[in-house]
Amino acid sequence: MYLEIAMFAYFVVLFLTLRDIRIFKRTGYYSYRKGALKGLAASSLILIGAIAVKAKPDLGLLFVLIGLFVNRKGIRERVFTSAGTLDRFLGKTDYVKRK
């Protein structure tokens, strides 16, 4: 059961990281780039925790919890004005950066 919890946390953080990358590519806002970099660090910690769960479940879940705390994103710019729920979930923004 502990491995499933750790892997679920890993996939959630990885999904949010990919969403931040997509929003950064569409808008160019650096807060989303910073969030994506934090997400990469957090997913690495969570993956280490998922591997460690097999040997010591308490230590592995501690790494997962620390990774989730590292994943905190902070304040962001407003990028969704009229987007629906699915568009927000997938990271499709209303603003597109100028070239």
C-alpha atoms as a PDB file:
ATOM      1  CA  MET A   1       0.000   0.000   0.000  1.00  0.00           C
ATOM      2  CA  TYR A   2       2.877   2.388   0.757  1.00  0.00           C
ATOM      3  CA  LEU A   3       4.344   1.965  -2.692  1.00  0.00           C
ATOM      4  CA  GLU A   4       1.004   2.864  -4.298  1.00  0.00           C
ATOM      5  CA  ILE A   5       0.811   6.042  -2.202  1.00  0.00           C
ATOM      6  CA  ALA A   6       4.340   7.030  -3.168  1.00  0.00           C
ATOM      7  CA  MET A   7       3.777   6.351  -6.863  1.00  0.00           C
ATOM      8  CA  PHE A   8       0.496   8.271  -6.851  1.00  0.00           C
ATOM      9  CA  ALA A   9       2.299  11.269  -5.339  1.00  0.00           C
ATOM     10  CA  TYR A  10       5.046  10.912  -7.963  1.00  0.00           C
ATOM     11  CA  PHE A  11       2.617  10.925 -10.879  1.00  0.00           C
ATOM     12  CA  VAL A  12       0.654  13.874  -9.489  1.00  0.00           C
ATOM     13  CA  VAL A  13       3.809  15.969  -9.090  1.00  0.00           C
ATOM     14  CA  LEU A  14       5.011  14.923 -12.537  1.00  0.00           C
ATOM     15  CA  PHE A  15       1.654  15.908 -14.077  1.00  0.00           C
ATOM     16  CA  LEU A  16       1.735  19.319 -12.371  1.00  0.00           C
ATOM     17  CA  THR A  17       5.312  19.829 -13.553  1.00  0.00           C
ATOM     18  CA  LEU A  18       4.368  19.074 -17.162  1.00  0.00           C
ATOM     19  CA  ARG A  19       1.403  21.442 -16.800  1.00  0.00           C
ATOM     20  CA  ASP A  20       3.722  24.207 -15.554  1.00  0.00           C
ATOM     21  CA  ILE A  21       6.058  23.611 -18.493  1.00  0.00           C
ATOM     22  CA  ARG A  22       3.156  23.919 -20.916  1.00  0.00           C
ATOM     23  CA  ILE A  23       1.917  27.136 -19.313  1.00  0.00           C
ATOM     24  CA  PHE A  24       5.453  28.593 -19.365  1.00  0.00           C
ATOM     25  CA  LYS A  25       5.856  27.737 -23.049  1.00  0.00           C
ATOM     26  CA  ARG A  26       2.531  29.386 -23.880  1.00  0.00           C
ATOM     27  CA  THR A  27       2.874  32.523 -21.743  1.00  0.00           C
ATOM     28  CA  GLY A  28       6.563  33.045 -20.990  1.00  0.00           C
ATOM     29  CA  TYR A  29       5.906  33.816 -17.301  1.00  0.00           C
ATOM     30  CA  TYR A  30       8.977  32.920 -15.268  1.00  0.00           C
ATOM     31  CA  SER A  31       7.008  31.948 -12.163  1.00  0.00           C
ATOM     32  CA  TYR A  32       5.794  28.884 -14.080  1.00  0.00           C
ATOM     33  CA  ARG A  33       9.369  28.093 -15.122  1.00  0.00           C
ATOM     34  CA  LYS A  34      10.418  28.284 -11.486  1.00  0.00           C
ATOM     35  CA  GLY A  35       7.488  26.037 -10.564  1.00  0.00           C
ATOM     36  CA  ALA A  36       8.523  23.502 -13.192  1.00  0.00           C
ATOM     37  CA  LEU A  37      12.077  23.420 -11.849  1.00  0.00           C
ATOM     38  CA  LYS A  38      10.760  22.930  -8.316  1.00  0.00           C
ATOM     39  CA  GLY A  39       8.570  20.142  -9.652  1.00  0.00           C
ATOM     40  CA  LEU A  40      11.558  18.361 -11.158  1.00  0.00           C
ATOM     41  CA  ALA A  41      13.418  18.496  -7.848  1.00  0.00           C
ATOM     42  CA  ALA A  42      10.321  17.347  -5.966  1.00  0.00           C
ATOM     43  CA  SER A  43       9.657  14.451  -8.343  1.00  0.00           C
ATOM     44  CA  SER A  44      13.245  13.280  -7.900  1.00  0.00           C
ATOM     45  CA  LEU A  45      12.862  13.256  -4.125  1.00  0.00           C
ATOM     46  CA  ILE A  46       9.548  11.451  -4.370  1.00  0.00           C
ATOM     47  CA  LEU A  47      11.031   8.846  -6.701  1.00  0.00           C
ATOM     48  CA  ILE A  48      13.853   8.240  -4.220  1.00  0.00           C
ATOM     49  CA  GLY A  49      11.207   7.866  -1.525  1.00  0.00           C
ATOM     50  CA  ALA A  50       9.247   5.409  -3.645  1.00  0.00           C
ATOM     51  CA  ILE A  51      12.362   3.303  -4.095  1.00  0.00           C
ATOM     52  CA  ALA A  52      13.156   3.485  -0.376  1.00  0.00           C
ATOM     53  CA  VAL A  53       9.629   2.403   0.594  1.00  0.00           C
ATOM     54  CA  LYS A  54      10.528  -1.213  -0.195  1.00  0.00           C
ATOM     55  CA  ALA A  55      13.334  -1.270   2.393  1.00  0.00           C
ATOM     56  CA  LYS A  56      11.954   1.082   5.068  1.00  0.00           C
ATOM     57  CA  PRO A  57       8.387   2.360   4.588  1.00  0.00           C
ATOM     58  CA  ASP A  58       8.707   5.134   7.179  1.00  0.00           C
ATOM     59  CA  LEU A  59      11.854   6.584   5.657  1.00  0.00           C
ATOM     60  CA  GLY A  60      10.451   6.294   2.133  1.00  0.00           C
ATOM     61  CA  LEU A  61       7.244   8.116   3.003  1.00  0.00           C
ATOM     62  CA  LEU A  62       9.293  10.789   4.772  1.00  0.00           C
ATOM     63  CA  PHE A  63      11.116  11.436   1.477  1.00  0.00           C
ATOM     64  CA  VAL A  64       7.740  11.585  -0.277  1.00  0.00           C
ATOM     65  CA  LEU A  65       6.455  14.137   2.242  1.00  0.00           C
ATOM     66  CA  ILE A  66       9.593  16.267   1.893  1.00  0.00           C
ATOM     67  CA  GLY A  67       9.210  16.118  -1.887  1.00  0.00           C
ATOM     68  CA  LEU A  68       5.627  17.317  -1.620  1.00  0.00           C
ATOM     69  CA  PHE A  69       6.756  20.255   0.515  1.00  0.00           C
ATOM     70  CA  VAL A  70       9.449  21.128  -2.045  1.00  0.00           C
ATOM     71  CA  ASN A  71       6.749  21.172  -4.733  1.00  0.00           C
ATOM     72  CA  ARG A  72       4.996  24.214  -3.233  1.00  0.00           C
ATOM     73  CA  LYS A  73       4.694  26.704  -6.079  1.00  0.00           C
ATOM     74  CA  GLY A  74       3.931  30.110  -4.545  1.00  0.00           C
ATOM     75  CA  ILE A  75       2.139  33.065  -6.085  1.00  0.00           C
ATOM     76  CA  ARG A  76       1.494  32.950  -9.828  1.00  0.00           C
ATOM     77  CA  GLU A  77       0.249  35.302 -12.497  1.00  0.00           C
ATOM     78  CA  ARG A  78      -3.341  34.944 -13.566  1.00  0.00           C
ATOM     79  CA  VAL A  79      -3.400  33.084 -16.879  1.00  0.00           C
ATOM     80  CA  PHE A  80      -6.947  31.711 -16.993  1.00  0.00           C
ATOM     81  CA  THR A  81      -9.788  34.153 -17.624  1.00  0.00           C
ATOM     82  CA  SER A  82     -12.500  32.269 -19.467  1.00  0.00           C
ATOM     83  CA  ALA A  83     -11.058  28.759 -19.685  1.00  0.00           C
ATOM     84  CA  GLY A  84     -13.182  25.790 -18.727  1.00  0.00           C
ATOM     85  CA  THR A  85     -12.346  23.171 -16.142  1.00  0.00           C
ATOM     86  CA  LEU A  86     -10.742  20.739 -18.588  1.00  0.00           C
ATOM     87  CA  ASP A  87      -8.635  23.502 -20.167  1.00  0.00           C
ATOM     88  CA  ARG A  88      -7.380  24.579 -16.736  1.00  0.00           C
ATOM     89  CA  PHE A  89      -6.667  20.975 -15.817  1.00  0.00           C
ATOM     90  CA  LEU A  90      -4.576  20.465 -18.956  1.00  0.00           C
ATOM     91  CA  GLY A  91      -2.867  23.875 -18.747  1.00  0.00           C
ATOM     92  CA  LYS A  92      -4.370  25.466 -21.846  1.00  0.00           C
ATOM     93  CA  THR A  93      -4.057  29.174 -21.148  1.00  0.00           C
ATOM     94  CA  ASP A  94      -5.938  32.140 -22.516  1.00  0.00           C
ATOM     95  CA  TYR A  95      -2.791  34.219 -22.847  1.00  0.00           C
ATOM     96  CA  VAL A  96      -0.180  33.436 -25.454  1.00  0.00           C
ATOM     97  CA  LYS A  97       3.214  35.178 -25.450  1.00  0.00           C
ATOM     98  CA  ARG A  98       4.041  37.566 -28.235  1.00  0.00           C
ATOM     99  CA  LYS A  99       6.795  36.581 -30.628  1.00  0.00           C
END
